[in-house]
Amino acid sequence: MQATIRVKHGVCRMEKWRMAQPVDFEALANEHIAIVGRNGSGKSMLVDILTGRHPLLMEDPAYDFSPSKKPLVSDNIKYITFRDCYGGDNDNTYYLQQRWNHHDIDESTPTTGQLLEEAFLQTGGDTTERRAFQQRIYNLFGLHTLLDKYIILLSSGELRKYQLTRALLSEPRILIMDNPFIGLDAETRKQLTNLFQELIAHLPIQLILVLAKTDDLPDFITHVVETDQMVVGKKLTRTEYLNAKCQQNLPQLSTEKVKAIENLPYKTGEYHTAEVVNMHDVSIKYGNRVILDRINWTILNGERWSLSGRNGSGKSTLLSLVCADNPQGYACDISLFGIPRGSGETIWDIKRHIGYVSPEMHRAYKKDLPAVRIVASGLKDSIGLYVKPTEEEYAVCRWWMDIFGLIGLYERTFLSLSSGEQRLVLLARAFVKDPELLILDEPLHGLDDENRQLVREIINTFARRRNKTIIMVTHYQEELPSCIDKHKRL
């Protein structure tokens, strides 16, 4: 049987890239594999070995990409990483509010359509058959409405559609995707699964999915490889894995930590208003594109809301108005904590009372600072840390990192952490100042089953404190904590 990828007793040359044990891995041509495991267990490290990014000491991975005639590994294996759904590694000029500041876009900024057309022409030529394939993918993802949109303005779900389309247009022999379903609404997840099934039925393509959320395991997956504490496990059939998998929603937050959160001392200078958010006929428009159309929303103190809607429906734009990240907010009829927008308050007056995590924030964090300093930046409402915290403030940061299971990672640099660990750090950043308003935009992206349960329990516990209001966005209704009892859909 043809082995498309084979690694025997693989040990990376660089010590910092090494797994706890030598790696043995084999992918046969008729297999579609899921790589699963806890956050920080070595999933991405394994993929870096499979793709040749981390060279090995003795024997490099062996590849057999037939029937593909492409000579290079990079032409035959396409890898969509977790960060790709937040824009990739080439948007180093990106900043948190950029998506809503259209005056910063110049004529050289590419549109989605221009980048996809460039990728199409580079990866196989312009033939009638390939054009039909291109249009089929565009139709599947509804990309025709995005082709004239600047790439930096796409939502996280739209970016994921773009990255998947770009990879598929190159017709790779092996497509590796890190959490392909995150950021996608339920209908698009279903469409994507159907597309994958059609692709493997009609094209010589092999799929390898890297999954933190194991209930995302699609039916077309034939085998599962689990990583645990930097050790690559034995390849199991899908049935063997599911039969052995013990799905238990055991409590992840100890009784002591629950009491500690509930008994946190309250700050002086908090807002105690009956209305936390009040929006009246709020509309946002960019050129001819209407994003929000006469939205009315009142959120009272202590309420816990979910905000839902299809990809591109305007959820993050709506939240950017609340967080004072969108300059159009000053032209809208919005009050926060009983104060009308534009009545003299500064952006920092507003942010001091809000804890916030979002895909845009994850995308904006490019600096490789120690994790505890990332958390400390939440005390200063900044991306990066420009004011040195006191030792007392650092103690608070470490306390919240412990709550989120990040003990011992205080000095690990942010970009050296796994994507799931990065998300936990950003969550600790959102909670660190004990905010009156907590805004969680897709907070569980990339988290494994246990950490998703942990975060839900932390949110439920935090919601029991007085004067706390919560807004949460997710495309998975089952991810909503039990405290969320009000719902708004765009």
Protein backbone atom coordinates (compact mmCIF):
# COMPACT_ATOMS: atom_id res chain seq x y z
CA MET A 1 0.00 0.00 0.00
CA GLN A 2 1.31 3.43 -1.00
CA ALA A 3 2.47 5.55 1.96
CA THR A 4 2.16 9.24 1.11
CA ILE A 5 4.07 10.24 4.29
CA ARG A 6 6.29 8.02 6.42
CA VAL A 7 8.39 9.04 9.43
CA LYS A 8 10.53 6.44 11.24
CA HIS A 9 12.04 7.18 14.66
CA GLY A 10 12.01 10.88 13.84
CA VAL A 11 14.03 13.17 16.13
CA CYS A 12 14.30 16.86 15.28
CA ARG A 13 17.75 18.38 14.91
CA MET A 14 16.81 21.38 17.05
CA GLU A 15 16.23 20.36 20.66
CA LYS A 16 13.42 22.88 21.20
CA TRP A 17 11.41 21.17 18.43
CA ARG A 18 11.78 17.64 19.74
CA MET A 19 8.91 15.52 20.92
CA ALA A 20 9.25 13.57 24.18
CA GLN A 21 9.82 10.36 22.19
CA PRO A 22 10.96 9.64 18.60
CA VAL A 23 8.10 10.00 16.14
CA ASP A 24 6.71 7.11 14.10
CA PHE A 25 3.96 8.07 11.68
CA GLU A 26 2.59 6.62 8.47
CA ALA A 27 -0.23 7.94 6.28
CA LEU A 28 -1.44 5.54 3.59
CA ALA A 29 -2.91 6.87 0.37
CA ASN A 30 -6.49 5.80 1.12
CA GLU A 31 -6.53 7.24 4.64
CA HIS A 32 -7.92 10.54 5.87
CA ILE A 33 -6.49 11.26 9.30
CA ALA A 34 -7.40 13.39 12.30
CA ILE A 35 -4.61 14.46 14.67
CA VAL A 36 -6.16 15.13 18.07
CA GLY A 37 -4.94 15.99 21.56
CA ARG A 38 -4.97 18.50 24.41
CA ASN A 39 -3.76 22.07 23.93
CA GLY A 40 0.05 22.03 24.02
CA SER A 41 0.22 18.23 23.52
CA GLY A 42 2.32 18.45 20.32
CA LYS A 43 -0.23 18.39 17.47
CA SER A 44 1.27 21.32 15.56
CA MET A 45 4.80 20.11 16.31
CA LEU A 46 3.94 16.78 14.67
CA VAL A 47 2.58 18.53 11.57
CA ASP A 48 5.77 20.60 11.32
CA ILE A 49 7.72 17.31 11.21
CA LEU A 50 5.38 15.82 8.57
CA THR A 51 5.73 18.87 6.31
CA GLY A 52 9.53 19.03 6.67
CA ARG A 53 9.51 22.35 8.47
CA HIS A 54 11.46 20.79 11.36
CA PRO A 55 14.40 18.81 9.86
CA LEU A 56 15.24 15.45 11.44
CA LEU A 57 18.56 14.11 12.70
CA MET A 58 18.88 10.83 10.82
CA GLU A 59 16.28 10.15 8.17
CA ASP A 60 13.98 12.78 6.69
CA PRO A 61 10.30 11.97 6.09
CA ALA A 62 9.68 9.78 3.04
CA TYR A 63 7.03 10.97 0.58
CA ASP A 64 5.16 9.33 -2.29
CA PHE A 65 2.79 11.87 -3.84
CA SER A 66 1.83 9.87 -6.94
CA PRO A 67 -0.17 10.33 -9.11
CA SER A 68 0.89 13.98 -8.63
CA LYS A 69 3.71 15.12 -10.96
CA LYS A 70 4.61 18.16 -8.89
CA PRO A 71 8.25 17.88 -7.75
CA LEU A 72 8.28 19.85 -4.49
CA VAL A 73 6.91 18.92 -1.08
CA SER A 74 5.56 22.46 -0.77
CA ASP A 75 3.55 22.01 -3.98
CA ASN A 76 2.00 18.73 -2.82
CA ILE A 77 1.30 19.55 0.83
CA LYS A 78 -0.70 22.62 1.75
CA TYR A 79 -0.99 23.42 5.44
CA ILE A 80 -3.55 25.90 6.75
CA THR A 81 -2.49 26.83 10.28
CA PHE A 82 -4.66 28.14 13.11
CA ARG A 83 -3.27 31.67 12.68
CA ASP A 84 -4.15 31.64 8.96
CA CYS A 85 -7.81 32.14 9.87
CA TYR A 86 -6.72 35.39 11.53
CA GLY A 87 -4.87 36.63 8.45
CA GLY A 88 -1.66 34.63 8.27
CA ASP A 89 1.90 35.63 8.99
CA ASN A 90 2.22 38.31 6.31
CA ASP A 91 0.00 41.03 7.81
CA ASN A 92 2.57 42.47 10.18
CA THR A 93 1.12 45.96 9.80
CA TYR A 94 -2.27 44.82 11.12
CA TYR A 95 -3.55 46.53 14.26
CA LEU A 96 -6.65 45.86 16.34
CA GLN A 97 -8.92 48.62 15.01
CA GLN A 98 -7.72 48.40 11.38
CA ARG A 99 -10.74 46.47 10.17
CA TRP A 100 -13.00 49.41 11.00
CA ASN A 101 -10.68 52.26 9.97
CA HIS A 102 -11.21 52.40 6.22
CA HIS A 103 -9.25 55.63 5.85
CA ASP A 104 -6.08 53.58 6.47
CA ILE A 105 -6.63 51.53 3.30
CA ASP A 106 -4.64 52.70 0.29
CA GLU A 107 -4.94 51.80 -3.38
CA SER A 108 -2.29 49.09 -3.09
CA THR A 109 -4.35 47.06 -0.60
CA PRO A 110 -5.53 43.91 -2.44
CA THR A 111 -9.11 42.73 -2.56
CA THR A 112 -10.12 39.15 -1.85
CA GLY A 113 -10.88 38.59 -5.53
CA GLN A 114 -7.48 39.86 -6.66
CA LEU A 115 -5.60 37.59 -4.27
CA LEU A 116 -7.65 34.53 -5.20
CA GLU A 117 -7.25 35.18 -8.93
CA GLU A 118 -3.50 35.55 -8.45
CA ALA A 119 -3.39 32.24 -6.57
CA PHE A 120 -5.52 30.57 -9.24
CA LEU A 121 -3.20 31.58 -12.08
CA GLN A 122 -0.04 30.67 -10.17
CA THR A 123 -1.09 27.16 -9.22
CA GLY A 124 -2.27 25.46 -12.38
CA GLY A 125 -3.09 27.67 -15.31
CA ASP A 126 -6.28 28.99 -16.85
CA THR A 127 -8.32 26.12 -18.31
CA THR A 128 -12.06 25.65 -18.74
CA GLU A 129 -12.01 22.73 -16.31
CA ARG A 130 -10.13 24.70 -13.63
CA ARG A 131 -12.40 27.73 -14.08
CA ALA A 132 -15.41 25.49 -13.47
CA PHE A 133 -13.74 24.14 -10.32
CA GLN A 134 -12.98 27.69 -9.18
CA GLN A 135 -16.58 28.83 -9.65
CA ARG A 136 -17.88 25.77 -7.86
CA ILE A 137 -15.86 26.63 -4.75
CA TYR A 138 -16.82 30.31 -4.99
CA ASN A 139 -20.49 29.33 -5.13
CA LEU A 140 -20.16 26.91 -2.22
CA PHE A 141 -18.70 29.52 0.12
CA GLY A 142 -20.74 32.44 -1.25
CA LEU A 143 -17.49 34.23 -2.13
CA HIS A 144 -18.94 36.35 -4.93
CA THR A 145 -20.15 38.87 -2.34
CA LEU A 146 -16.63 39.05 -0.85
CA LEU A 147 -14.50 39.38 -3.99
CA ASP A 148 -14.56 43.19 -3.96
CA LYS A 149 -13.87 43.35 -0.21
CA TYR A 150 -10.39 44.24 1.03
CA ILE A 151 -8.67 41.24 2.59
CA ILE A 152 -7.91 43.07 5.85
CA LEU A 153 -11.62 43.79 6.33
CA LEU A 154 -12.78 40.16 6.31
CA SER A 155 -14.26 38.67 9.45
CA SER A 156 -12.52 35.64 10.97
CA GLY A 157 -15.09 33.31 9.40
CA GLU A 158 -14.70 35.00 6.01
CA LEU A 159 -10.90 34.73 6.32
CA ARG A 160 -11.24 31.00 6.93
CA LYS A 161 -13.32 30.65 3.75
CA TYR A 162 -10.67 32.62 1.86
CA GLN A 163 -7.78 30.49 3.16
CA LEU A 164 -9.60 27.23 2.36
CA THR A 165 -10.46 28.43 -1.13
CA ARG A 166 -6.87 29.55 -1.80
CA ALA A 167 -5.51 26.17 -0.68
CA LEU A 168 -8.07 24.17 -2.69
CA LEU A 169 -7.37 26.15 -5.88
CA SER A 170 -3.80 24.79 -5.80
CA GLU A 171 -5.20 21.22 -5.96
CA PRO A 172 -2.70 19.76 -3.44
CA ARG A 173 -2.07 16.03 -3.04
CA ILE A 174 -2.33 16.42 0.75
CA LEU A 175 -4.27 19.17 2.50
CA ILE A 176 -3.55 19.63 6.22
CA MET A 177 -5.90 21.93 8.13
CA ASP A 178 -5.66 23.13 11.70
CA ASN A 179 -9.19 23.24 13.18
CA PRO A 180 -10.89 23.84 9.80
CA PHE A 181 -14.37 24.41 11.28
CA ILE A 182 -13.56 27.17 13.77
CA GLY A 183 -15.06 30.54 12.94
CA LEU A 184 -17.59 29.02 10.53
CA ASP A 185 -21.34 29.14 11.10
CA ALA A 186 -23.33 25.90 11.26
CA GLU A 187 -24.50 26.02 7.63
CA THR A 188 -20.99 26.66 6.31
CA ARG A 189 -19.56 23.85 8.48
CA LYS A 190 -22.08 21.49 6.91
CA GLN A 191 -21.25 22.74 3.41
CA LEU A 192 -17.52 22.37 4.06
CA THR A 193 -17.94 18.78 5.24
CA ASN A 194 -19.94 17.98 2.10
CA LEU A 195 -17.23 19.62 -0.04
CA PHE A 196 -14.51 17.54 1.59
CA GLN A 197 -16.51 14.37 0.93
CA GLU A 198 -16.92 15.32 -2.72
CA LEU A 199 -13.24 16.21 -3.08
CA ILE A 200 -11.98 12.87 -1.76
CA ALA A 201 -14.52 11.06 -3.92
CA HIS A 202 -13.44 12.74 -7.17
CA LEU A 203 -9.86 13.94 -6.69
CA PRO A 204 -6.59 12.27 -5.61
CA ILE A 205 -6.46 14.37 -2.44
CA GLN A 206 -5.71 13.26 1.11
CA LEU A 207 -7.02 15.19 4.09
CA ILE A 208 -5.32 15.51 7.47
CA LEU A 209 -7.23 17.52 10.07
CA VAL A 210 -5.73 18.83 13.31
CA LEU A 211 -8.58 18.99 15.82
CA ALA A 212 -8.81 20.28 19.37
CA LYS A 213 -12.60 19.86 19.47
CA THR A 214 -13.02 16.10 19.04
CA ASP A 215 -16.79 16.23 18.51
CA ASP A 216 -15.89 17.94 15.19
CA LEU A 217 -14.65 14.55 13.86
CA PRO A 218 -16.25 14.25 10.38
CA ASP A 219 -17.54 10.95 9.01
CA PHE A 220 -14.96 10.88 6.20
CA ILE A 221 -12.09 10.59 8.71
CA THR A 222 -10.82 7.00 8.57
CA HIS A 223 -8.05 7.11 11.20
CA VAL A 224 -7.08 9.08 14.29
CA VAL A 225 -3.66 9.82 15.80
CA GLU A 226 -3.62 11.26 19.32
CA THR A 227 -0.77 13.26 20.82
CA ASP A 228 -0.34 13.38 24.58
CA GLN A 229 2.38 15.26 26.48
CA MET A 230 4.53 15.52 23.35
CA VAL A 231 4.21 11.80 22.53
CA VAL A 232 2.65 10.61 19.25
CA GLY A 233 0.24 7.75 19.86
CA LYS A 234 -0.62 4.76 17.72
CA LYS A 235 -2.77 5.29 14.65
CA LEU A 236 -6.29 3.97 15.33
CA THR A 237 -9.25 3.49 13.05
CA ARG A 238 -12.04 5.99 13.57
CA THR A 239 -14.17 3.27 15.19
CA GLU A 240 -11.36 2.17 17.53
CA TYR A 241 -10.79 5.76 18.63
CA LEU A 242 -14.47 6.52 19.25
CA ASN A 243 -14.95 3.28 21.18
CA ALA A 244 -11.95 4.08 23.40
CA LYS A 245 -12.81 7.77 23.84
CA CYS A 246 -14.29 8.57 27.22
CA GLN A 247 -16.50 11.63 26.83
CA GLN A 248 -17.12 13.05 30.28
CA ASN A 249 -17.99 16.60 31.19
CA LEU A 250 -16.21 16.41 34.52
CA PRO A 251 -15.81 19.67 36.46
CA GLN A 252 -12.51 21.34 35.56
CA LEU A 253 -12.64 24.25 38.02
CA SER A 254 -11.92 23.28 41.63
CA THR A 255 -14.23 24.28 44.48
CA GLU A 256 -11.42 26.42 45.91
CA LYS A 257 -11.05 28.37 42.65
CA VAL A 258 -14.81 28.83 42.36
CA LYS A 259 -14.92 30.38 45.83
CA ALA A 260 -11.84 32.49 45.09
CA ILE A 261 -13.49 34.03 42.00
CA GLU A 262 -16.78 34.62 43.79
CA ASN A 263 -15.00 36.28 46.73
CA LEU A 264 -12.74 38.61 44.77
CA PRO A 265 -12.80 42.09 46.35
CA TYR A 266 -14.76 44.67 44.42
CA LYS A 267 -12.99 47.74 43.04
CA THR A 268 -13.74 51.34 43.79
CA GLY A 269 -14.85 53.51 40.87
CA GLU A 270 -17.05 50.87 39.22
CA TYR A 271 -20.04 51.89 37.10
CA HIS A 272 -23.34 50.87 38.73
CA THR A 273 -25.88 51.75 36.06
CA ALA A 274 -29.21 50.15 35.24
CA GLU A 275 -28.41 50.19 31.50
CA VAL A 276 -24.98 48.98 30.42
CA VAL A 277 -25.55 49.24 26.65
CA ASN A 278 -28.25 51.13 24.77
CA MET A 279 -28.26 51.27 20.96
CA HIS A 280 -30.96 53.09 19.01
CA ASP A 281 -31.31 52.68 15.22
CA VAL A 282 -27.59 52.01 14.83
CA SER A 283 -26.42 51.64 11.23
CA ILE A 284 -22.93 51.05 9.84
CA LYS A 285 -22.14 51.41 6.16
CA TYR A 286 -18.88 51.19 4.20
CA GLY A 287 -19.33 52.55 0.69
CA ASN A 288 -22.38 50.78 -0.71
CA ARG A 289 -22.07 47.86 1.71
CA VAL A 290 -24.51 48.00 4.64
CA ILE A 291 -23.13 46.06 7.61
CA LEU A 292 -25.65 46.98 10.31
CA ASP A 293 -29.11 48.32 9.51
CA ARG A 294 -31.01 50.17 12.28
CA ILE A 295 -30.04 47.93 15.18
CA ASN A 296 -31.77 48.47 18.51
CA TRP A 297 -30.38 46.72 21.60
CA THR A 298 -30.65 47.44 25.30
CA ILE A 299 -28.55 45.43 27.76
CA LEU A 300 -29.32 45.82 31.45
CA ASN A 301 -26.90 45.43 34.33
CA GLY A 302 -26.32 41.78 35.17
CA GLU A 303 -27.77 40.36 31.95
CA ARG A 304 -25.95 37.62 30.03
CA TRP A 305 -26.44 37.68 26.26
CA SER A 306 -25.42 35.53 23.32
CA LEU A 307 -24.90 37.24 19.95
CA SER A 308 -25.21 34.99 16.90
CA GLY A 309 -25.51 35.14 13.11
CA ARG A 310 -23.98 33.89 9.88
CA ASN A 311 -20.38 34.71 8.93
CA GLY A 312 -20.23 38.37 7.89
CA SER A 313 -23.57 39.27 9.49
CA GLY A 314 -21.97 42.07 11.51
CA LYS A 315 -21.42 40.53 14.97
CA SER A 316 -17.84 41.73 15.45
CA THR A 317 -18.68 45.12 13.93
CA LEU A 318 -21.48 45.52 16.47
CA LEU A 319 -19.12 44.64 19.32
CA SER A 320 -16.49 47.06 17.98
CA LEU A 321 -19.00 49.85 18.62
CA VAL A 322 -19.38 48.80 22.24
CA CYS A 323 -15.61 48.58 22.74
CA ALA A 324 -14.98 52.00 21.15
CA ASP A 325 -12.79 50.43 18.47
CA ASN A 326 -14.95 51.63 15.58
CA PRO A 327 -14.75 55.36 14.74
CA GLN A 328 -18.26 55.27 13.24
CA GLY A 329 -19.55 54.65 16.75
CA TYR A 330 -19.30 58.36 17.52
CA ALA A 331 -21.89 59.09 14.83
CA CYS A 332 -24.34 56.55 16.27
CA ASP A 333 -26.93 56.83 19.05
CA ILE A 334 -25.13 54.66 21.63
CA SER A 335 -24.91 54.93 25.41
CA LEU A 336 -22.52 52.87 27.53
CA PHE A 337 -22.96 52.67 31.29
CA GLY A 338 -25.55 55.42 30.97
CA ILE A 339 -23.15 57.81 29.20
CA PRO A 340 -24.00 58.86 25.59
CA ARG A 341 -21.17 58.20 23.15
CA GLY A 342 -19.35 61.39 22.21
CA SER A 343 -20.31 63.30 25.34
CA GLY A 344 -16.71 63.85 26.40
CA GLU A 345 -15.55 60.44 27.55
CA THR A 346 -12.29 59.09 26.11
CA ILE A 347 -11.75 55.66 24.61
CA TRP A 348 -9.77 54.76 27.73
CA ASP A 349 -12.63 55.80 30.02
CA ILE A 350 -14.75 53.21 28.25
CA LYS A 351 -12.20 50.40 27.98
CA ARG A 352 -11.30 50.58 31.66
CA HIS A 353 -14.63 48.91 32.48
CA ILE A 354 -14.65 46.33 29.67
CA GLY A 355 -12.88 42.97 29.35
CA TYR A 356 -12.61 41.79 25.74
CA VAL A 357 -11.30 38.88 23.71
CA SER A 358 -11.87 38.37 19.98
CA PRO A 359 -10.37 36.88 16.80
CA GLU A 360 -9.20 40.39 15.86
CA MET A 361 -7.32 40.65 19.16
CA HIS A 362 -5.64 37.28 18.59
CA ARG A 363 -4.64 38.45 15.13
CA ALA A 364 -3.21 41.71 16.49
CA TYR A 365 -0.89 40.02 19.02
CA LYS A 366 2.31 39.54 17.02
CA LYS A 367 4.81 40.49 19.71
CA ASP A 368 6.62 37.57 21.35
CA LEU A 369 6.31 38.83 24.92
CA PRO A 370 6.22 36.62 28.03
CA ALA A 371 2.68 35.38 28.61
CA VAL A 372 2.33 37.18 31.95
CA ARG A 373 3.05 40.49 30.22
CA ILE A 374 0.31 39.76 27.66
CA VAL A 375 -2.11 39.26 30.55
CA ALA A 376 -0.81 42.44 32.22
CA SER A 377 -1.58 44.44 29.06
CA GLY A 378 -5.26 43.89 29.91
CA LEU A 379 -4.76 46.08 32.96
CA LYS A 380 -3.53 48.87 30.66
CA ASP A 381 -5.99 48.26 27.79
CA SER A 382 -3.19 48.03 25.26
CA ILE A 383 -1.88 45.61 22.64
CA GLY A 384 1.62 45.15 23.98
CA LEU A 385 2.82 46.46 27.33
CA TYR A 386 4.17 50.00 27.45
CA VAL A 387 3.77 50.77 31.17
CA LYS A 388 5.55 48.54 33.67
CA PRO A 389 3.05 46.88 36.04
CA THR A 390 3.66 46.78 39.76
CA GLU A 391 4.55 43.52 41.49
CA GLU A 392 1.03 43.50 42.96
CA GLU A 393 -0.43 43.73 39.44
CA TYR A 394 1.82 40.90 38.23
CA ALA A 395 0.58 38.79 41.17
CA VAL A 396 -3.01 39.35 39.99
CA CYS A 397 -1.98 38.34 36.45
CA ARG A 398 -0.37 35.12 37.67
CA TRP A 399 -3.47 34.38 39.76
CA TRP A 400 -5.74 34.61 36.73
CA MET A 401 -3.29 32.51 34.67
CA ASP A 402 -3.54 29.84 37.38
CA ILE A 403 -7.36 30.01 37.15
CA PHE A 404 -7.10 29.28 33.40
CA GLY A 405 -4.69 26.36 33.91
CA LEU A 406 -1.57 28.21 32.79
CA ILE A 407 0.56 27.49 35.85
CA GLY A 408 4.25 27.50 34.96
CA LEU A 409 3.77 29.32 31.64
CA TYR A 410 4.21 32.85 33.04
CA GLU A 411 7.53 33.52 31.28
CA ARG A 412 6.92 31.43 28.14
CA THR A 413 6.76 33.78 25.18
CA PHE A 414 3.36 34.17 23.56
CA LEU A 415 4.29 32.98 20.05
CA SER A 416 5.99 29.85 21.44
CA LEU A 417 2.70 28.71 23.01
CA SER A 418 0.20 26.51 21.19
CA SER A 419 -2.79 28.30 19.66
CA GLY A 420 -5.03 26.98 22.44
CA GLU A 421 -2.64 28.18 25.14
CA GLN A 422 -2.52 31.59 23.43
CA ARG A 423 -6.31 31.78 23.59
CA LEU A 424 -6.26 30.96 27.33
CA VAL A 425 -3.71 33.74 27.87
CA LEU A 426 -5.97 36.21 26.05
CA LEU A 427 -8.93 35.05 28.13
CA ALA A 428 -6.93 35.67 31.32
CA ARG A 429 -6.18 39.13 29.89
CA ALA A 430 -9.93 39.80 29.51
CA PHE A 431 -10.72 38.81 33.11
CA VAL A 432 -7.67 40.30 34.83
CA LYS A 433 -9.24 43.66 35.73
CA ASP A 434 -12.53 42.11 36.95
CA PRO A 435 -14.54 44.17 34.40
CA GLU A 436 -18.17 45.24 34.72
CA LEU A 437 -18.78 44.29 31.06
CA LEU A 438 -17.20 41.12 29.67
CA ILE A 439 -17.28 40.70 25.86
CA LEU A 440 -16.28 37.26 24.61
CA ASP A 441 -16.16 37.01 20.80
CA GLU A 442 -15.57 33.34 19.90
CA PRO A 443 -13.66 32.76 23.18
CA LEU A 444 -13.37 28.97 22.79
CA HIS A 445 -11.56 28.97 19.42
CA GLY A 446 -8.92 26.25 19.35
CA LEU A 447 -9.54 24.97 22.88
CA ASP A 448 -9.64 21.25 23.62
CA ASP A 449 -12.66 19.59 25.24
CA GLU A 450 -11.40 19.98 28.82
CA ASN A 451 -10.39 23.62 28.40
CA ARG A 452 -13.70 24.50 26.79
CA GLN A 453 -15.42 23.02 29.84
CA LEU A 454 -13.04 24.94 32.12
CA VAL A 455 -13.73 28.28 30.43
CA ARG A 456 -17.50 27.74 30.55
CA GLU A 457 -17.25 27.08 34.30
CA ILE A 458 -15.15 30.22 34.81
CA ILE A 459 -17.73 32.29 32.91
CA ASN A 460 -20.60 30.81 34.95
CA THR A 461 -18.75 31.54 38.20
CA PHE A 462 -17.85 35.10 37.14
CA ALA A 463 -21.51 35.73 36.22
CA ARG A 464 -22.54 35.14 39.84
CA ARG A 465 -20.63 38.24 40.95
CA ARG A 466 -22.69 41.40 41.27
CA ASN A 467 -22.58 44.17 38.67
CA LYS A 468 -21.29 41.83 35.94
CA THR A 469 -22.74 41.85 32.40
CA ILE A 470 -21.69 39.40 29.67
CA ILE A 471 -21.96 39.27 25.86
CA MET A 472 -20.73 36.09 24.15
CA VAL A 473 -20.43 35.16 20.48
CA THR A 474 -20.17 31.55 19.31
CA HIS A 475 -21.24 29.52 16.29
CA TYR A 476 -21.74 26.45 18.51
CA GLN A 477 -24.86 26.80 20.64
CA GLU A 478 -23.75 23.90 22.84
CA GLU A 479 -20.70 25.97 23.85
CA LEU A 480 -22.78 28.62 25.60
CA PRO A 481 -22.39 28.54 29.40
CA SER A 482 -25.59 27.88 31.33
CA CYS A 483 -25.62 31.49 32.64
CA ILE A 484 -26.37 32.81 29.12
CA ASP A 485 -30.15 33.23 29.05
CA LYS A 486 -30.77 36.06 26.55
CA HIS A 487 -30.14 35.84 22.82
CA LYS A 488 -29.77 38.26 19.90
CA ARG A 489 -29.31 37.14 16.30
CA LEU A 490 -28.16 39.32 13.41
